[in-house]
Amino acid sequence: KSEEARARSSSRTAIVLLIIGLVLFA
């Protein structure tokens, strides 16, 4: 992938993991 595509993919994954983590803590 291009740098931009990889960065977008990593950013989306990070956001999803943050949401799941916060839901689990709640």
PDB file of all heavy atoms in Angstrom:
ATOM      1  N   LYS A   1       0.839  -1.201   0.000  1.00  0.00           N
ATOM      2  CA  LYS A   1       0.000   0.000   0.000  1.00  0.00           C
ATOM      3  C   LYS A   1       0.877   1.255   0.000  1.00  0.00           C
ATOM      4  O   LYS A   1       2.053   1.211   0.379  1.00  0.00           O
ATOM      5  CB  LYS A   1      -0.905   0.030   1.232  1.00  0.00           C
ATOM      6  CG  LYS A   1      -1.969  -1.053   1.272  1.00  0.00           C
ATOM      7  CD  LYS A   1      -2.816  -0.912   2.521  1.00  0.00           C
ATOM      8  CE  LYS A   1      -3.914  -1.955   2.578  1.00  0.00           C
ATOM      9  NZ  LYS A   1      -4.730  -1.832   3.819  1.00  0.00           N
ATOM     10  N   SER A   2       0.281   2.365  -0.375  1.00  0.00           N
ATOM     11  CA  SER A   2       0.983   3.637  -0.270  1.00  0.00           C
ATOM     12  C   SER A   2       1.059   4.044   1.199  1.00  0.00           C
ATOM     13  O   SER A   2       0.331   3.508   2.051  1.00  0.00           O
ATOM     14  CB  SER A   2       0.250   4.717  -1.062  1.00  0.00           C
ATOM     15  OG  SER A   2      -1.019   4.991  -0.470  1.00  0.00           O
ATOM     16  N   GLU A   3       1.928   5.011   1.500  1.00  0.00           N
ATOM     17  CA  GLU A   3       2.029   5.507   2.871  1.00  0.00           C
ATOM     18  C   GLU A   3       0.691   6.050   3.343  1.00  0.00           C
ATOM     19  O   GLU A   3       0.270   5.803   4.483  1.00  0.00           O
ATOM     20  CB  GLU A   3       3.091   6.603   2.960  1.00  0.00           C
ATOM     21  CG  GLU A   3       3.226   7.200   4.353  1.00  0.00           C
ATOM     22  CD  GLU A   3       4.244   8.305   4.429  1.00  0.00           C
ATOM     23  OE1 GLU A   3       4.784   8.697   3.370  1.00  0.00           O
ATOM     24  OE2 GLU A   3       4.506   8.802   5.553  1.00  0.00           O
ATOM     25  N   GLU A   4       0.009   6.778   2.472  1.00  0.00           N
ATOM     26  CA  GLU A   4      -1.263   7.390   2.845  1.00  0.00           C
ATOM     27  C   GLU A   4      -2.320   6.321   3.145  1.00  0.00           C
ATOM     28  O   GLU A   4      -3.072   6.421   4.123  1.00  0.00           O
ATOM     29  CB  GLU A   4      -1.754   8.308   1.724  1.00  0.00           C
ATOM     30  CG  GLU A   4      -0.876   9.532   1.480  1.00  0.00           C
ATOM     31  CD  GLU A   4       0.427   9.201   0.770  1.00  0.00           C
ATOM     32  OE1 GLU A   4       0.501   8.114   0.128  1.00  0.00           O
ATOM     33  OE2 GLU A   4       1.373  10.023   0.838  1.00  0.00           O
ATOM     34  N   ALA A   5      -2.368   5.265   2.313  1.00  0.00           N
ATOM     35  CA  ALA A   5      -3.353   4.198   2.521  1.00  0.00           C
ATOM     36  C   ALA A   5      -3.065   3.437   3.805  1.00  0.00           C
ATOM     37  O   ALA A   5      -3.983   3.094   4.558  1.00  0.00           O
ATOM     38  CB  ALA A   5      -3.358   3.253   1.326  1.00  0.00           C
ATOM     39  N   ARG A   6      -1.789   3.171   4.070  1.00  0.00           N
ATOM     40  CA  ARG A   6      -1.422   2.470   5.295  1.00  0.00           C
ATOM     41  C   ARG A   6      -1.756   3.316   6.519  1.00  0.00           C
ATOM     42  O   ARG A   6      -2.270   2.802   7.530  1.00  0.00           O
ATOM     43  CB  ARG A   6       0.068   2.141   5.278  1.00  0.00           C
ATOM     44  CG  ARG A   6       0.616   1.577   6.599  1.00  0.00           C
ATOM     45  CD  ARG A   6       0.156   0.169   6.870  1.00  0.00           C
ATOM     46  NE  ARG A   6       0.647  -0.300   8.158  1.00  0.00           N
ATOM     47  CZ  ARG A   6       1.020  -1.558   8.406  1.00  0.00           C
ATOM     48  NH1 ARG A   6       0.941  -2.458   7.453  1.00  0.00           N
ATOM     49  NH2 ARG A   6       1.443  -1.909   9.596  1.00  0.00           N
ATOM     50  N   ALA A   7      -1.492   4.614   6.455  1.00  0.00           N
ATOM     51  CA  ALA A   7      -1.783   5.507   7.577  1.00  0.00           C
ATOM     52  C   ALA A   7      -3.282   5.560   7.848  1.00  0.00           C
ATOM     53  O   ALA A   7      -3.710   5.535   9.006  1.00  0.00           O
ATOM     54  CB  ALA A   7      -1.238   6.899   7.296  1.00  0.00           C
ATOM     55  N   ARG A   8      -4.086   5.629   6.784  1.00  0.00           N
ATOM     56  CA  ARG A   8      -5.545   5.645   6.974  1.00  0.00           C
ATOM     57  C   ARG A   8      -6.021   4.356   7.628  1.00  0.00           C
ATOM     58  O   ARG A   8      -6.867   4.372   8.540  1.00  0.00           O
ATOM     59  CB  ARG A   8      -6.249   5.850   5.636  1.00  0.00           C
ATOM     60  CG  ARG A   8      -6.170   7.273   5.087  1.00  0.00           C
ATOM     61  CD  ARG A   8      -7.176   7.472   3.972  1.00  0.00           C
ATOM     62  NE  ARG A   8      -6.937   6.568   2.857  1.00  0.00           N
ATOM     63  CZ  ARG A   8      -6.165   6.850   1.812  1.00  0.00           C
ATOM     64  NH1 ARG A   8      -5.529   8.017   1.768  1.00  0.00           N
ATOM     65  NH2 ARG A   8      -6.011   5.992   0.821  1.00  0.00           N
ATOM     66  N   SER A   9      -5.488   3.235   7.165  1.00  0.00           N
ATOM     67  CA  SER A   9      -5.878   1.943   7.720  1.00  0.00           C
ATOM     68  C   SER A   9      -5.507   1.840   9.196  1.00  0.00           C
ATOM     69  O   SER A   9      -6.312   1.398  10.027  1.00  0.00           O
ATOM     70  CB  SER A   9      -5.194   0.821   6.931  1.00  0.00           C
ATOM     71  OG  SER A   9      -5.466  -0.439   7.497  1.00  0.00           O
ATOM     72  N   SER A  10      -4.291   2.271   9.549  1.00  0.00           N
ATOM     73  CA  SER A  10      -3.847   2.220  10.943  1.00  0.00           C
ATOM     74  C   SER A  10      -4.672   3.154  11.821  1.00  0.00           C
ATOM     75  O   SER A  10      -5.009   2.817  12.960  1.00  0.00           O
ATOM     76  CB  SER A  10      -2.361   2.583  11.038  1.00  0.00           C
ATOM     77  OG  SER A  10      -1.560   1.631  10.384  1.00  0.00           O
ATOM     78  N   SER A  11      -5.016   4.323  11.294  1.00  0.00           N
ATOM     79  CA  SER A  11      -5.815   5.289  12.061  1.00  0.00           C
ATOM     80  C   SER A  11      -7.210   4.735  12.336  1.00  0.00           C
ATOM     81  O   SER A  11      -7.725   4.852  13.459  1.00  0.00           O
ATOM     82  CB  SER A  11      -5.926   6.612  11.296  1.00  0.00           C
ATOM     83  OG  SER A  11      -4.662   7.232  11.176  1.00  0.00           O
ATOM     84  N   ARG A  12      -7.830   4.132  11.311  1.00  0.00           N
ATOM     85  CA  ARG A  12      -9.165   3.548  11.508  1.00  0.00           C
ATOM     86  C   ARG A  12      -9.115   2.420  12.525  1.00  0.00           C
ATOM     87  O   ARG A  12      -9.995   2.313  13.397  1.00  0.00           O
ATOM     88  CB  ARG A  12      -9.712   3.041  10.174  1.00  0.00           C
ATOM     89  CG  ARG A  12     -10.186   4.128   9.230  1.00  0.00           C
ATOM     90  CD  ARG A  12     -11.037   3.552   8.120  1.00  0.00           C
ATOM     91  NE  ARG A  12     -10.275   2.620   7.285  1.00  0.00           N
ATOM     92  CZ  ARG A  12      -9.663   2.960   6.166  1.00  0.00           C
ATOM     93  NH1 ARG A  12      -9.702   4.213   5.750  1.00  0.00           N
ATOM     94  NH2 ARG A  12      -9.007   2.063   5.451  1.00  0.00           N
ATOM     95  N   THR A  13      -8.092   1.579  12.432  1.00  0.00           N
ATOM     96  CA  THR A  13      -7.966   0.469  13.377  1.00  0.00           C
ATOM     97  C   THR A  13      -7.785   0.991  14.791  1.00  0.00           C
ATOM     98  O   THR A  13      -8.374   0.457  15.746  1.00  0.00           O
ATOM     99  CB  THR A  13      -6.772  -0.422  12.993  1.00  0.00           C
ATOM    100  OG1 THR A  13      -6.953  -0.916  11.659  1.00  0.00           O
ATOM    101  CG2 THR A  13      -6.644  -1.596  13.943  1.00  0.00           C
ATOM    102  N   ALA A  14      -6.976   2.033  14.948  1.00  0.00           N
ATOM    103  CA  ALA A  14      -6.747   2.618  16.274  1.00  0.00           C
ATOM    104  C   ALA A  14      -8.042   3.153  16.870  1.00  0.00           C
ATOM    105  O   ALA A  14      -8.323   2.952  18.057  1.00  0.00           O
ATOM    106  CB  ALA A  14      -5.707   3.728  16.179  1.00  0.00           C
ATOM    107  N   ILE A  15      -8.851   3.824  16.055  1.00  0.00           N
ATOM    108  CA  ILE A  15     -10.119   4.387  16.546  1.00  0.00           C
ATOM    109  C   ILE A  15     -11.064   3.278  16.993  1.00  0.00           C
ATOM    110  O   ILE A  15     -11.692   3.356  18.058  1.00  0.00           O
ATOM    111  CB  ILE A  15     -10.775   5.253  15.450  1.00  0.00           C
ATOM    112  CG1 ILE A  15      -9.936   6.518  15.215  1.00  0.00           C
ATOM    113  CG2 ILE A  15     -12.201   5.628  15.845  1.00  0.00           C
ATOM    114  CD1 ILE A  15     -10.392   7.324  14.022  1.00  0.00           C
ATOM    115  N   VAL A  16     -11.165   2.208  16.175  1.00  0.00           N
ATOM    116  CA  VAL A  16     -12.048   1.084  16.521  1.00  0.00           C
ATOM    117  C   VAL A  16     -11.594   0.435  17.819  1.00  0.00           C
ATOM    118  O   VAL A  16     -12.419   0.135  18.702  1.00  0.00           O
ATOM    119  CB  VAL A  16     -12.067   0.050  15.378  1.00  0.00           C
ATOM    120  CG1 VAL A  16     -12.796  -1.223  15.821  1.00  0.00           C
ATOM    121  CG2 VAL A  16     -12.746   0.627  14.140  1.00  0.00           C
ATOM    122  N   LEU A  17     -10.288   0.217  17.975  1.00  0.00           N
ATOM    123  CA  LEU A  17      -9.775  -0.404  19.189  1.00  0.00           C
ATOM    124  C   LEU A  17     -10.006   0.474  20.413  1.00  0.00           C
ATOM    125  O   LEU A  17     -10.317  -0.026  21.502  1.00  0.00           O
ATOM    126  CB  LEU A  17      -8.276  -0.684  19.031  1.00  0.00           C
ATOM    127  CG  LEU A  17      -7.917  -1.821  18.068  1.00  0.00           C
ATOM    128  CD1 LEU A  17      -6.420  -1.839  17.819  1.00  0.00           C
ATOM    129  CD2 LEU A  17      -8.367  -3.166  18.632  1.00  0.00           C
ATOM    130  N   LEU A  18      -9.871   1.802  20.246  1.00  0.00           N
ATOM    131  CA  LEU A  18     -10.119   2.715  21.363  1.00  0.00           C
ATOM    132  C   LEU A  18     -11.578   2.633  21.807  1.00  0.00           C
ATOM    133  O   LEU A  18     -11.865   2.562  23.016  1.00  0.00           O
ATOM    134  CB  LEU A  18      -9.777   4.147  20.947  1.00  0.00           C
ATOM    135  CG  LEU A  18     -10.061   5.239  21.986  1.00  0.00           C
ATOM    136  CD1 LEU A  18      -9.258   4.985  23.260  1.00  0.00           C
ATOM    137  CD2 LEU A  18      -9.753   6.616  21.414  1.00  0.00           C
ATOM    138  N   ILE A  19     -12.488   2.624  20.850  1.00  0.00           N
ATOM    139  CA  ILE A  19     -13.915   2.544  21.188  1.00  0.00           C
ATOM    140  C   ILE A  19     -14.232   1.237  21.903  1.00  0.00           C
ATOM    141  O   ILE A  19     -14.921   1.220  22.930  1.00  0.00           O
ATOM    142  CB  ILE A  19     -14.776   2.687  19.913  1.00  0.00           C
ATOM    143  CG1 ILE A  19     -14.636   4.106  19.344  1.00  0.00           C
ATOM    144  CG2 ILE A  19     -16.240   2.373  20.212  1.00  0.00           C
ATOM    145  CD1 ILE A  19     -15.287   4.282  17.989  1.00  0.00           C
ATOM    146  N   ILE A  20     -13.721   0.128  21.357  1.00  0.00           N
ATOM    147  CA  ILE A  20     -13.977  -1.171  21.985  1.00  0.00           C
ATOM    148  C   ILE A  20     -13.394  -1.210  23.393  1.00  0.00           C
ATOM    149  O   ILE A  20     -14.021  -1.694  24.339  1.00  0.00           O
ATOM    150  CB  ILE A  20     -13.382  -2.310  21.132  1.00  0.00           C
ATOM    151  CG1 ILE A  20     -14.115  -2.418  19.798  1.00  0.00           C
ATOM    152  CG2 ILE A  20     -13.466  -3.645  21.876  1.00  0.00           C
ATOM    153  CD1 ILE A  20     -13.505  -3.430  18.851  1.00  0.00           C
ATOM    154  N   GLY A  21     -12.166  -0.685  23.552  1.00  0.00           N
ATOM    155  CA  GLY A  21     -11.536  -0.672  24.861  1.00  0.00           C
ATOM    156  C   GLY A  21     -12.337   0.123  25.876  1.00  0.00           C
ATOM    157  O   GLY A  21     -12.533  -0.319  27.011  1.00  0.00           O
ATOM    158  N   LEU A  22     -12.817   1.307  25.476  1.00  0.00           N
ATOM    159  CA  LEU A  22     -13.616   2.134  26.388  1.00  0.00           C
ATOM    160  C   LEU A  22     -14.937   1.464  26.746  1.00  0.00           C
ATOM    161  O   LEU A  22     -15.387   1.529  27.898  1.00  0.00           O
ATOM    162  CB  LEU A  22     -13.867   3.505  25.749  1.00  0.00           C
ATOM    163  CG  LEU A  22     -12.617   4.387  25.555  1.00  0.00           C
ATOM    164  CD1 LEU A  22     -12.977   5.676  24.838  1.00  0.00           C
ATOM    165  CD2 LEU A  22     -11.957   4.685  26.908  1.00  0.00           C
ATOM    166  N   VAL A  23     -15.564   0.811  25.763  1.00  0.00           N
ATOM    167  CA  VAL A  23     -16.820   0.092  26.035  1.00  0.00           C
ATOM    168  C   VAL A  23     -16.576  -1.035  27.034  1.00  0.00           C
ATOM    169  O   VAL A  23     -17.372  -1.243  27.966  1.00  0.00           O
ATOM    170  CB  VAL A  23     -17.423  -0.451  24.723  1.00  0.00           C
ATOM    171  CG1 VAL A  23     -18.565  -1.422  25.021  1.00  0.00           C
ATOM    172  CG2 VAL A  23     -17.925   0.684  23.854  1.00  0.00           C
ATOM    173  N   LEU A  24     -15.476  -1.764  26.856  1.00  0.00           N
ATOM    174  CA  LEU A  24     -15.170  -2.862  27.776  1.00  0.00           C
ATOM    175  C   LEU A  24     -14.880  -2.351  29.182  1.00  0.00           C
ATOM    176  O   LEU A  24     -15.303  -2.963  30.168  1.00  0.00           O
ATOM    177  CB  LEU A  24     -13.971  -3.659  27.248  1.00  0.00           C
ATOM    178  CG  LEU A  24     -14.239  -4.511  26.002  1.00  0.00           C
ATOM    179  CD1 LEU A  24     -12.937  -5.081  25.459  1.00  0.00           C
ATOM    180  CD2 LEU A  24     -15.204  -5.640  26.320  1.00  0.00           C
ATOM    181  N   PHE A  25     -14.173  -1.231  29.291  1.00  0.00           N
ATOM    182  CA  PHE A  25     -13.918  -0.650  30.611  1.00  0.00           C
ATOM    183  C   PHE A  25     -15.225  -0.196  31.258  1.00  0.00           C
ATOM    184  O   PHE A  25     -15.425  -0.378  32.465  1.00  0.00           O
ATOM    185  CB  PHE A  25     -12.950   0.528  30.497  1.00  0.00           C
ATOM    186  CG  PHE A  25     -11.511   0.113  30.548  1.00  0.00           C
ATOM    187  CD1 PHE A  25     -10.694   0.256  29.442  1.00  0.00           C
ATOM    188  CD2 PHE A  25     -10.968  -0.427  31.704  1.00  0.00           C
ATOM    189  CE1 PHE A  25      -9.358  -0.125  29.480  1.00  0.00           C
ATOM    190  CE2 PHE A  25      -9.634  -0.817  31.759  1.00  0.00           C
ATOM    191  CZ  PHE A  25      -8.834  -0.665  30.638  1.00  0.00           C
ATOM    192  N   ALA A  26     -16.116   0.400  30.469  1.00  0.00           N
ATOM    193  CA  ALA A  26     -17.412   0.821  31.002  1.00  0.00           C
ATOM    194  C   ALA A  26     -18.212  -0.382  31.487  1.00  0.00           C
ATOM    195  O   ALA A  26     -18.840  -0.336  32.560  1.00  0.00           O
ATOM    196  CB  ALA A  26     -18.190   1.585  29.921  1.00  0.00           C
TER     197      ALA A  26
END
